[in-house]
Amino acid sequence: MLQTDIFTSEHPSTSPLLQPLPEREKEYSPSSAIGGNYQPFIQAYIDQSKQAHNQIKCIKDLRYGAAERALIDYFPSPKNTNGEAPGLLVFIHGGYWQELSKNESAFLAPAWHAAGFAHAVVGYTLAPQARVGEIMVQCCAALAYLRDEAAQLGHDPNRIVVAGSSAGGYLTAACAADASLNLLGMVPISGIFDLRPLVGTSINDALGMSMKEAAELSALTKSASLVPGVIAWGQIETAAFKQQSKALASHLRANGQACETLEIAGRNHFDVVHELGDPQSALFVATRKLFDRQG
């Protein structure tokens, strides 16, 4: 059984984060909320990302590190706004740190390009070739690269917001705790922020986390350098995923950071991210407002 200090705001007998292994296995399998078949959603990522690459200029495979997958696809802004460098939305993909890549993750680019922003999609080494902590370091390095190369690429280094879905939501929150990155805000979508419930499940087979390592990686213990956030999840999600996002929101607010939460009606773990590519959606509007604040 897990330690009972995980999300102590929940009573141990009712919290899905404290349930025995079979229940945790189901709660942390997001496809269990949609009948098990998530491949159509992955295909949508692939198809829409291909469309984005066909429609918009992209600087592919910018190298930010030595690892094979340490690459960024960068979509320049179509224009400067009032003579000022545009903001940059960075996206970190999910896949339980074990699947997908930047190549299937460019589907947000058209909407943000049309809105006048630059957009970047980060690649990283997958487990088991890299541990979660190493993946986090890679993503921080990618954001540092985008900060340092801002003048050459054409965006404002002081107007960078990072977003990510599922495992990418965790990486988003973990990177946002790095003060040196000077991020303006974060948008974690359907993420996992306390990793301890994964220990013992099949999800951890490739990750190989001990309970100690999972505790040290928790985004809910980082407070010194958090930034304002918009935290979103789908209505059609397991209770554990919803509670993870609510716990992160509580953590931000407890540390004095502004935080907006959005449960998106009719969306599930796999398609809720598309709300960030819809200029009419509440998630898009709330994310764009992050760029208006002063860093």
C-alpha atoms as a PDB file:
ATOM      1  CA  MET A   1       0.000   0.000   0.000  1.00  0.00           C
ATOM      2  CA  LEU A   2       1.027   3.595  -0.572  1.00  0.00           C
ATOM      3  CA  GLN A   3       1.962   5.894   2.233  1.00  0.00           C
ATOM      4  CA  THR A   4      -1.048   7.700   3.652  1.00  0.00           C
ATOM      5  CA  ASP A   5       0.470  11.156   3.227  1.00  0.00           C
ATOM      6  CA  ILE A   6      -0.383  11.219  -0.469  1.00  0.00           C
ATOM      7  CA  PHE A   7      -2.972  13.942  -0.940  1.00  0.00           C
ATOM      8  CA  THR A   8      -3.901  14.076   2.712  1.00  0.00           C
ATOM      9  CA  SER A   9      -6.867  16.300   1.885  1.00  0.00           C
ATOM     10  CA  GLU A  10      -8.599  13.088   0.830  1.00  0.00           C
ATOM     11  CA  HIS A  11      -9.706  10.524   3.364  1.00  0.00           C
ATOM     12  CA  PRO A  12      -7.614   7.356   2.844  1.00  0.00           C
ATOM     13  CA  SER A  13     -10.664   5.155   2.482  1.00  0.00           C
ATOM     14  CA  THR A  14     -12.151   7.256  -0.321  1.00  0.00           C
ATOM     15  CA  SER A  15      -9.191   8.686  -2.225  1.00  0.00           C
ATOM     16  CA  PRO A  16      -8.491   6.890  -5.505  1.00  0.00           C
ATOM     17  CA  LEU A  17      -4.840   7.747  -4.924  1.00  0.00           C
ATOM     18  CA  LEU A  18      -4.705   5.520  -1.855  1.00  0.00           C
ATOM     19  CA  GLN A  19      -6.504   2.476  -3.194  1.00  0.00           C
ATOM     20  CA  PRO A  20      -4.953  -0.992  -3.478  1.00  0.00           C
ATOM     21  CA  LEU A  21      -3.001  -1.920  -6.585  1.00  0.00           C
ATOM     22  CA  PRO A  22      -5.851  -3.237  -8.804  1.00  0.00           C
ATOM     23  CA  GLU A  23      -7.829  -0.029  -8.303  1.00  0.00           C
ATOM     24  CA  ARG A  24      -4.766   2.148  -8.863  1.00  0.00           C
ATOM     25  CA  GLU A  25      -3.956   0.222 -12.032  1.00  0.00           C
ATOM     26  CA  LYS A  26      -7.383   1.139 -13.403  1.00  0.00           C
ATOM     27  CA  GLU A  27      -7.405   4.708 -12.100  1.00  0.00           C
ATOM     28  CA  TYR A  28      -4.067   5.468 -13.752  1.00  0.00           C
ATOM     29  CA  SER A  29      -5.004   3.813 -17.043  1.00  0.00           C
ATOM     30  CA  PRO A  30      -6.738   6.759 -18.742  1.00  0.00           C
ATOM     31  CA  SER A  31      -8.176   4.587 -21.495  1.00  0.00           C
ATOM     32  CA  SER A  32     -10.300   2.820 -18.859  1.00  0.00           C
ATOM     33  CA  ALA A  33     -12.632   5.835 -18.918  1.00  0.00           C
ATOM     34  CA  ILE A  34     -13.301   5.461 -22.658  1.00  0.00           C
ATOM     35  CA  GLY A  35     -13.588   1.711 -23.091  1.00  0.00           C
ATOM     36  CA  GLY A  36      -9.915   0.962 -23.645  1.00  0.00           C
ATOM     37  CA  ASN A  37      -9.271   1.936 -27.271  1.00  0.00           C
ATOM     38  CA  TYR A  38      -7.318   5.175 -27.504  1.00  0.00           C
ATOM     39  CA  GLN A  39      -5.738   4.578 -30.920  1.00  0.00           C
ATOM     40  CA  PRO A  40      -8.219   6.790 -32.826  1.00  0.00           C
ATOM     41  CA  PHE A  41      -7.072   9.716 -30.706  1.00  0.00           C
ATOM     42  CA  ILE A  42      -3.415   8.967 -31.455  1.00  0.00           C
ATOM     43  CA  GLN A  43      -4.264   8.830 -35.139  1.00  0.00           C
ATOM     44  CA  ALA A  44      -5.868  12.259 -34.821  1.00  0.00           C
ATOM     45  CA  TYR A  45      -2.621  13.592 -33.340  1.00  0.00           C
ATOM     46  CA  ILE A  46      -0.721  12.153 -36.295  1.00  0.00           C
ATOM     47  CA  ASP A  47      -3.104  13.426 -38.973  1.00  0.00           C
ATOM     48  CA  GLN A  48      -3.461  16.918 -37.554  1.00  0.00           C
ATOM     49  CA  SER A  49       0.278  17.250 -36.969  1.00  0.00           C
ATOM     50  CA  LYS A  50       0.940  16.337 -40.601  1.00  0.00           C
ATOM     51  CA  GLN A  51      -1.545  19.001 -41.648  1.00  0.00           C
ATOM     52  CA  ALA A  52       0.195  21.567 -39.453  1.00  0.00           C
ATOM     53  CA  HIS A  53       3.582  20.789 -40.993  1.00  0.00           C
ATOM     54  CA  ASN A  54       2.081  21.063 -44.478  1.00  0.00           C
ATOM     55  CA  GLN A  55       0.367  24.365 -43.765  1.00  0.00           C
ATOM     56  CA  ILE A  56       2.888  26.325 -41.715  1.00  0.00           C
ATOM     57  CA  LYS A  57       6.584  27.059 -41.994  1.00  0.00           C
ATOM     58  CA  CYS A  58       8.526  25.003 -39.478  1.00  0.00           C
ATOM     59  CA  ILE A  59      12.181  24.982 -38.505  1.00  0.00           C
ATOM     60  CA  LYS A  60      12.592  21.278 -37.818  1.00  0.00           C
ATOM     61  CA  ASP A  61      14.975  19.450 -35.535  1.00  0.00           C
ATOM     62  CA  LEU A  62      16.624  22.280 -33.645  1.00  0.00           C
ATOM     63  CA  ARG A  63      19.108  20.492 -31.414  1.00  0.00           C
ATOM     64  CA  TYR A  64      19.146  21.474 -27.745  1.00  0.00           C
ATOM     65  CA  GLY A  65      21.175  18.534 -26.382  1.00  0.00           C
ATOM     66  CA  ALA A  66      23.263  15.507 -27.254  1.00  0.00           C
ATOM     67  CA  ALA A  67      20.555  12.838 -26.960  1.00  0.00           C
ATOM     68  CA  GLU A  68      19.058  11.517 -30.197  1.00  0.00           C
ATOM     69  CA  ARG A  69      15.599  12.902 -29.428  1.00  0.00           C
ATOM     70  CA  ALA A  70      16.814  16.188 -27.933  1.00  0.00           C
ATOM     71  CA  LEU A  71      15.223  18.135 -30.782  1.00  0.00           C
ATOM     72  CA  ILE A  72      12.655  20.900 -31.142  1.00  0.00           C
ATOM     73  CA  ASP A  73      10.300  21.736 -34.006  1.00  0.00           C
ATOM     74  CA  TYR A  74       9.806  25.496 -34.099  1.00  0.00           C
ATOM     75  CA  PHE A  75       6.982  27.327 -35.854  1.00  0.00           C
ATOM     76  CA  PRO A  76       7.886  31.023 -36.190  1.00  0.00           C
ATOM     77  CA  SER A  77       5.262  33.657 -35.626  1.00  0.00           C
ATOM     78  CA  PRO A  78       3.802  35.073 -38.854  1.00  0.00           C
ATOM     79  CA  LYS A  79       4.277  38.611 -37.579  1.00  0.00           C
ATOM     80  CA  ASN A  80       5.406  40.824 -34.767  1.00  0.00           C
ATOM     81  CA  THR A  81       2.746  42.570 -32.723  1.00  0.00           C
ATOM     82  CA  ASN A  82       3.100  46.362 -32.553  1.00  0.00           C
ATOM     83  CA  GLY A  83       6.756  45.997 -33.427  1.00  0.00           C
ATOM     84  CA  GLU A  84       7.361  43.718 -30.453  1.00  0.00           C
ATOM     85  CA  ALA A  85       8.645  40.166 -30.529  1.00  0.00           C
ATOM     86  CA  PRO A  86       5.784  37.660 -30.145  1.00  0.00           C
ATOM     87  CA  GLY A  87       5.206  35.296 -27.273  1.00  0.00           C
ATOM     88  CA  LEU A  88       6.056  31.606 -27.523  1.00  0.00           C
ATOM     89  CA  LEU A  89       3.859  28.669 -26.518  1.00  0.00           C
ATOM     90  CA  VAL A  90       5.933  25.536 -25.914  1.00  0.00           C
ATOM     91  CA  PHE A  91       4.239  22.127 -25.970  1.00  0.00           C
ATOM     92  CA  ILE A  92       5.543  18.960 -24.265  1.00  0.00           C
ATOM     93  CA  HIS A  93       3.870  15.747 -25.384  1.00  0.00           C
ATOM     94  CA  GLY A  94       2.536  12.944 -23.214  1.00  0.00           C
ATOM     95  CA  GLY A  95       2.576   9.164 -23.539  1.00  0.00           C
ATOM     96  CA  TYR A  96       3.473   8.162 -19.966  1.00  0.00           C
ATOM     97  CA  TRP A  97       7.086   9.153 -20.714  1.00  0.00           C
ATOM     98  CA  GLN A  98       7.194   5.984 -22.877  1.00  0.00           C
ATOM     99  CA  GLU A  99       5.347   6.766 -26.114  1.00  0.00           C
ATOM    100  CA  LEU A 100       4.840   9.398 -28.820  1.00  0.00           C
ATOM    101  CA  SER A 101       7.244  12.086 -29.995  1.00  0.00           C
ATOM    102  CA  LYS A 102       7.316  15.662 -31.196  1.00  0.00           C
ATOM    103  CA  ASN A 103       6.351  14.421 -34.671  1.00  0.00           C
ATOM    104  CA  GLU A 104       2.783  13.625 -33.562  1.00  0.00           C
ATOM    105  CA  SER A 105       2.496  16.712 -31.387  1.00  0.00           C
ATOM    106  CA  ALA A 106       2.353  19.720 -33.725  1.00  0.00           C
ATOM    107  CA  PHE A 107      -1.449  19.900 -33.909  1.00  0.00           C
ATOM    108  CA  LEU A 108      -1.674  23.087 -31.814  1.00  0.00           C
ATOM    109  CA  ALA A 109       0.553  25.089 -34.160  1.00  0.00           C
ATOM    110  CA  PRO A 110      -2.107  26.383 -36.619  1.00  0.00           C
ATOM    111  CA  ALA A 111      -4.254  28.078 -33.983  1.00  0.00           C
ATOM    112  CA  TRP A 112      -1.338  29.725 -32.201  1.00  0.00           C
ATOM    113  CA  HIS A 113       0.277  30.731 -35.484  1.00  0.00           C
ATOM    114  CA  ALA A 114      -2.973  32.368 -36.585  1.00  0.00           C
ATOM    115  CA  ALA A 115      -3.120  34.212 -33.254  1.00  0.00           C
ATOM    116  CA  GLY A 116       0.337  35.695 -33.892  1.00  0.00           C
ATOM    117  CA  PHE A 117       2.395  33.535 -31.556  1.00  0.00           C
ATOM    118  CA  ALA A 118       5.452  31.390 -32.121  1.00  0.00           C
ATOM    119  CA  HIS A 119       5.084  27.727 -31.204  1.00  0.00           C
ATOM    120  CA  ALA A 120       7.599  25.030 -30.296  1.00  0.00           C
ATOM    121  CA  VAL A 121       7.206  21.279 -29.810  1.00  0.00           C
ATOM    122  CA  VAL A 122       9.771  19.514 -27.626  1.00  0.00           C
ATOM    123  CA  GLY A 123      11.171  16.030 -28.179  1.00  0.00           C
ATOM    124  CA  TYR A 124      12.817  13.997 -25.415  1.00  0.00           C
ATOM    125  CA  THR A 125      14.251  10.547 -24.729  1.00  0.00           C
ATOM    126  CA  LEU A 126      11.614   7.979 -23.796  1.00  0.00           C
ATOM    127  CA  ALA A 127      11.690   5.462 -20.957  1.00  0.00           C
ATOM    128  CA  PRO A 128      13.257   3.000 -20.362  1.00  0.00           C
ATOM    129  CA  GLN A 129      16.187   4.651 -22.173  1.00  0.00           C
ATOM    130  CA  ALA A 130      15.805   7.601 -19.790  1.00  0.00           C
ATOM    131  CA  ARG A 131      14.385   7.910 -16.290  1.00  0.00           C
ATOM    132  CA  VAL A 132      11.695  10.455 -15.476  1.00  0.00           C
ATOM    133  CA  GLY A 133      14.188  12.748 -13.743  1.00  0.00           C
ATOM    134  CA  GLU A 134      16.441  12.678 -16.797  1.00  0.00           C
ATOM    135  CA  ILE A 135      13.506  13.482 -19.071  1.00  0.00           C
ATOM    136  CA  MET A 136      12.645  16.446 -16.854  1.00  0.00           C
ATOM    137  CA  VAL A 137      16.229  17.724 -17.130  1.00  0.00           C
ATOM    138  CA  GLN A 138      16.033  17.403 -20.916  1.00  0.00           C
ATOM    139  CA  CYS A 139      12.815  19.415 -21.077  1.00  0.00           C
ATOM    140  CA  CYS A 140      14.315  22.130 -18.875  1.00  0.00           C
ATOM    141  CA  ALA A 141      17.295  22.207 -21.250  1.00  0.00           C
ATOM    142  CA  ALA A 142      14.931  22.609 -24.209  1.00  0.00           C
ATOM    143  CA  LEU A 143      13.226  25.562 -22.539  1.00  0.00           C
ATOM    144  CA  ALA A 144      16.604  27.099 -21.689  1.00  0.00           C
ATOM    145  CA  TYR A 145      17.591  26.758 -25.336  1.00  0.00           C
ATOM    146  CA  LEU A 146      14.416  28.521 -26.459  1.00  0.00           C
ATOM    147  CA  ARG A 147      15.087  31.291 -23.949  1.00  0.00           C
ATOM    148  CA  ASP A 148      18.710  31.727 -24.990  1.00  0.00           C
ATOM    149  CA  GLU A 149      18.014  31.582 -28.738  1.00  0.00           C
ATOM    150  CA  ALA A 150      14.980  33.854 -28.621  1.00  0.00           C
ATOM    151  CA  ALA A 151      16.591  36.746 -30.463  1.00  0.00           C
ATOM    152  CA  GLN A 152      17.702  34.528 -33.322  1.00  0.00           C
ATOM    153  CA  LEU A 153      14.422  32.640 -33.530  1.00  0.00           C
ATOM    154  CA  GLY A 154      12.286  35.755 -33.227  1.00  0.00           C
ATOM    155  CA  HIS A 155      10.230  35.463 -30.037  1.00  0.00           C
ATOM    156  CA  ASP A 156      10.334  37.310 -26.734  1.00  0.00           C
ATOM    157  CA  PRO A 157      12.418  35.414 -24.121  1.00  0.00           C
ATOM    158  CA  ASN A 158      10.305  36.975 -21.380  1.00  0.00           C
ATOM    159  CA  ARG A 159       7.002  35.783 -22.842  1.00  0.00           C
ATOM    160  CA  ILE A 160       7.282  32.003 -22.833  1.00  0.00           C
ATOM    161  CA  VAL A 161       4.424  29.811 -21.611  1.00  0.00           C
ATOM    162  CA  VAL A 162       4.843  26.041 -21.385  1.00  0.00           C
ATOM    163  CA  ALA A 163       1.995  23.562 -21.857  1.00  0.00           C
ATOM    164  CA  GLY A 164       1.819  19.787 -21.845  1.00  0.00           C
ATOM    165  CA  SER A 165      -0.634  16.921 -21.775  1.00  0.00           C
ATOM    166  CA  SER A 166      -0.664  13.848 -19.487  1.00  0.00           C
ATOM    167  CA  ALA A 167       3.002  12.996 -18.774  1.00  0.00           C
ATOM    168  CA  GLY A 168       3.745  16.262 -20.545  1.00  0.00           C
ATOM    169  CA  GLY A 169       1.572  17.955 -17.943  1.00  0.00           C
ATOM    170  CA  TYR A 170       3.902  16.675 -15.249  1.00  0.00           C
ATOM    171  CA  LEU A 171       6.949  17.847 -17.221  1.00  0.00           C
ATOM    172  CA  THR A 172       5.299  21.230 -17.661  1.00  0.00           C
ATOM    173  CA  ALA A 173       4.810  21.688 -13.914  1.00  0.00           C
ATOM    174  CA  ALA A 174       8.262  20.325 -13.080  1.00  0.00           C
ATOM    175  CA  CYS A 175       9.982  22.691 -15.515  1.00  0.00           C
ATOM    176  CA  ALA A 176       7.910  25.613 -14.246  1.00  0.00           C
ATOM    177  CA  ALA A 177       9.591  25.191 -10.854  1.00  0.00           C
ATOM    178  CA  ASP A 178      12.964  26.155 -12.391  1.00  0.00           C
ATOM    179  CA  ALA A 179      13.339  29.892 -11.728  1.00  0.00           C
ATOM    180  CA  SER A 180      16.208  30.229 -14.204  1.00  0.00           C
ATOM    181  CA  LEU A 181      13.831  29.541 -17.093  1.00  0.00           C
ATOM    182  CA  ASN A 182      11.862  32.730 -16.376  1.00  0.00           C
ATOM    183  CA  LEU A 183       8.609  31.247 -17.619  1.00  0.00           C
ATOM    184  CA  LEU A 184       5.534  33.444 -17.760  1.00  0.00           C
ATOM    185  CA  GLY A 185       3.041  30.666 -17.037  1.00  0.00           C
ATOM    186  CA  MET A 186       2.200  26.996 -17.338  1.00  0.00           C
ATOM    187  CA  VAL A 187      -0.706  24.987 -18.741  1.00  0.00           C
ATOM    188  CA  PRO A 188      -0.651  21.362 -17.527  1.00  0.00           C
ATOM    189  CA  ILE A 189      -3.485  19.326 -19.032  1.00  0.00           C
ATOM    190  CA  SER A 190      -4.642  16.029 -17.483  1.00  0.00           C
ATOM    191  CA  GLY A 191      -1.310  15.558 -15.781  1.00  0.00           C
ATOM    192  CA  ILE A 192       0.121  13.449 -12.986  1.00  0.00           C
ATOM    193  CA  PHE A 193       1.969  15.515 -10.416  1.00  0.00           C
ATOM    194  CA  ASP A 194       2.536  13.146  -7.499  1.00  0.00           C
ATOM    195  CA  LEU A 195       4.134  10.065  -9.066  1.00  0.00           C
ATOM    196  CA  ARG A 196       4.002   7.794  -6.027  1.00  0.00           C
ATOM    197  CA  PRO A 197       0.672   6.121  -6.914  1.00  0.00           C
ATOM    198  CA  LEU A 198       2.328   4.752 -10.070  1.00  0.00           C
ATOM    199  CA  VAL A 199       4.805   2.656  -8.083  1.00  0.00           C
ATOM    200  CA  GLY A 200       3.690  -0.964  -8.210  1.00  0.00           C
ATOM    201  CA  THR A 201       1.528  -0.536 -11.316  1.00  0.00           C
ATOM    202  CA  SER A 202       2.435  -1.799 -14.791  1.00  0.00           C
ATOM    203  CA  ILE A 203       2.968   1.812 -15.822  1.00  0.00           C
ATOM    204  CA  ASN A 204       6.102   1.828 -13.689  1.00  0.00           C
ATOM    205  CA  ASP A 205       7.617  -1.223 -15.407  1.00  0.00           C
ATOM    206  CA  ALA A 206       9.438   0.937 -17.956  1.00  0.00           C
ATOM    207  CA  LEU A 207       9.941   3.858 -15.564  1.00  0.00           C
ATOM    208  CA  GLY A 208      11.571   1.832 -12.783  1.00  0.00           C
ATOM    209  CA  MET A 209      10.809   4.359 -10.050  1.00  0.00           C
ATOM    210  CA  SER A 210      11.298   3.526  -6.401  1.00  0.00           C
ATOM    211  CA  MET A 211       8.925   5.117  -3.897  1.00  0.00           C
ATOM    212  CA  LYS A 212      11.756   7.400  -2.785  1.00  0.00           C
ATOM    213  CA  GLU A 213      12.480   8.511  -6.344  1.00  0.00           C
ATOM    214  CA  ALA A 214       8.791   9.069  -7.081  1.00  0.00           C
ATOM    215  CA  ALA A 215       8.445  11.196  -3.948  1.00  0.00           C
ATOM    216  CA  GLU A 216      11.480  13.300  -4.844  1.00  0.00           C
ATOM    217  CA  LEU A 217      10.093  13.909  -8.339  1.00  0.00           C
ATOM    218  CA  SER A 218       6.697  15.079  -7.115  1.00  0.00           C
ATOM    219  CA  ALA A 219       5.686  18.437  -8.552  1.00  0.00           C
ATOM    220  CA  LEU A 220       3.580  18.976  -5.419  1.00  0.00           C
ATOM    221  CA  THR A 221       6.663  19.501  -3.258  1.00  0.00           C
ATOM    222  CA  LYS A 222       8.096  22.306  -5.382  1.00  0.00           C
ATOM    223  CA  SER A 223       7.140  25.780  -4.282  1.00  0.00           C
ATOM    224  CA  ALA A 224      10.002  28.258  -4.558  1.00  0.00           C
ATOM    225  CA  SER A 225       9.696  29.059  -8.251  1.00  0.00           C
ATOM    226  CA  LEU A 226       6.205  28.152  -9.365  1.00  0.00           C
ATOM    227  CA  VAL A 227       4.470  30.348 -11.927  1.00  0.00           C
ATOM    228  CA  PRO A 228       0.772  31.119 -12.529  1.00  0.00           C
ATOM    229  CA  GLY A 229      -1.116  28.333 -14.231  1.00  0.00           C
ATOM    230  CA  VAL A 230      -4.151  27.212 -16.124  1.00  0.00           C
ATOM    231  CA  ILE A 231      -4.884  23.596 -15.161  1.00  0.00           C
ATOM    232  CA  ALA A 232      -7.325  21.616 -17.267  1.00  0.00           C
ATOM    233  CA  TRP A 233      -8.705  18.111 -17.538  1.00  0.00           C
ATOM    234  CA  GLY A 234     -11.529  16.323 -19.325  1.00  0.00           C
ATOM    235  CA  GLN A 235     -14.904  15.521 -17.856  1.00  0.00           C
ATOM    236  CA  ILE A 236     -14.465  11.909 -19.022  1.00  0.00           C
ATOM    237  CA  GLU A 237     -11.438  11.057 -16.881  1.00  0.00           C
ATOM    238  CA  THR A 238     -10.795   8.753 -13.956  1.00  0.00           C
ATOM    239  CA  ALA A 239     -11.164  10.196 -10.478  1.00  0.00           C
ATOM    240  CA  ALA A 240      -7.416   9.915  -9.907  1.00  0.00           C
ATOM    241  CA  PHE A 241      -6.502  12.109 -12.858  1.00  0.00           C
ATOM    242  CA  LYS A 242      -9.034  14.728 -11.821  1.00  0.00           C
ATOM    243  CA  GLN A 243      -7.757  14.744  -8.238  1.00  0.00           C
ATOM    244  CA  GLN A 244      -4.148  15.050  -9.397  1.00  0.00           C
ATOM    245  CA  SER A 245      -4.981  18.269 -11.259  1.00  0.00           C
ATOM    246  CA  LYS A 246      -7.010  19.640  -8.359  1.00  0.00           C
ATOM    247  CA  ALA A 247      -4.121  18.915  -5.993  1.00  0.00           C
ATOM    248  CA  LEU A 248      -1.711  20.873  -8.187  1.00  0.00           C
ATOM    249  CA  ALA A 249      -4.137  23.795  -8.296  1.00  0.00           C
ATOM    250  CA  SER A 250      -4.372  23.773  -4.512  1.00  0.00           C
ATOM    251  CA  HIS A 251      -0.579  23.677  -4.289  1.00  0.00           C
ATOM    252  CA  LEU A 252      -0.202  26.704  -6.547  1.00  0.00           C
ATOM    253  CA  ARG A 253      -2.777  28.706  -4.626  1.00  0.00           C
ATOM    254  CA  ALA A 254      -1.223  27.753  -1.299  1.00  0.00           C
ATOM    255  CA  ASN A 255       2.053  29.191  -2.565  1.00  0.00           C
ATOM    256  CA  GLY A 256       0.495  32.469  -3.656  1.00  0.00           C
ATOM    257  CA  GLN A 257       0.239  31.831  -7.376  1.00  0.00           C
ATOM    258  CA  ALA A 258      -2.797  32.587  -9.515  1.00  0.00           C
ATOM    259  CA  CYS A 259      -4.414  29.480 -10.909  1.00  0.00           C
ATOM    260  CA  GLU A 260      -7.452  28.843 -13.098  1.00  0.00           C
ATOM    261  CA  THR A 261      -8.959  25.356 -13.303  1.00  0.00           C
ATOM    262  CA  LEU A 262     -11.084  24.044 -16.144  1.00  0.00           C
ATOM    263  CA  GLU A 263     -12.957  20.760 -16.394  1.00  0.00           C
ATOM    264  CA  ILE A 264     -13.844  20.477 -20.074  1.00  0.00           C
ATOM    265  CA  ALA A 265     -17.270  18.988 -20.714  1.00  0.00           C
ATOM    266  CA  GLY A 266     -17.448  16.053 -23.131  1.00  0.00           C
ATOM    267  CA  ARG A 267     -13.665  15.684 -23.383  1.00  0.00           C
ATOM    268  CA  ASN A 268     -11.539  12.759 -22.281  1.00  0.00           C
ATOM    269  CA  HIS A 269      -7.878  12.307 -21.361  1.00  0.00           C
ATOM    270  CA  PHE A 270      -6.827  12.004 -24.988  1.00  0.00           C
ATOM    271  CA  ASP A 271      -8.830  14.676 -26.776  1.00  0.00           C
ATOM    272  CA  VAL A 272      -9.012  17.426 -24.139  1.00  0.00           C
ATOM    273  CA  VAL A 273      -5.679  18.779 -25.408  1.00  0.00           C
ATOM    274  CA  HIS A 274      -7.379  19.818 -28.662  1.00  0.00           C
ATOM    275  CA  GLU A 275      -9.173  22.533 -26.695  1.00  0.00           C
ATOM    276  CA  LEU A 276      -5.827  24.317 -26.585  1.00  0.00           C
ATOM    277  CA  GLY A 277      -5.961  24.449 -30.379  1.00  0.00           C
ATOM    278  CA  ASP A 278      -9.433  26.002 -30.529  1.00  0.00           C
ATOM    279  CA  PRO A 279      -9.356  29.818 -30.357  1.00  0.00           C
ATOM    280  CA  GLN A 280     -12.971  29.861 -29.160  1.00  0.00           C
ATOM    281  CA  SER A 281     -12.396  27.532 -26.220  1.00  0.00           C
ATOM    282  CA  ALA A 282     -12.086  28.575 -22.596  1.00  0.00           C
ATOM    283  CA  LEU A 283      -8.694  26.850 -22.403  1.00  0.00           C
ATOM    284  CA  PHE A 284      -7.266  28.768 -25.345  1.00  0.00           C
ATOM    285  CA  VAL A 285      -8.593  32.080 -24.018  1.00  0.00           C
ATOM    286  CA  ALA A 286      -7.251  31.452 -20.503  1.00  0.00           C
ATOM    287  CA  THR A 287      -3.847  30.420 -21.857  1.00  0.00           C
ATOM    288  CA  ARG A 288      -3.620  33.503 -24.037  1.00  0.00           C
ATOM    289  CA  LYS A 289      -4.305  35.667 -20.989  1.00  0.00           C
ATOM    290  CA  LEU A 290      -1.160  34.269 -19.366  1.00  0.00           C
ATOM    291  CA  PHE A 291       0.837  36.131 -22.004  1.00  0.00           C
ATOM    292  CA  ASP A 292      -0.672  39.420 -20.859  1.00  0.00           C
ATOM    293  CA  ARG A 293       0.795  39.313 -17.378  1.00  0.00           C
ATOM    294  CA  GLN A 294       4.124  40.888 -16.504  1.00  0.00           C
ATOM    295  CA  GLY A 295       6.899  38.404 -15.662  1.00  0.00           C
END
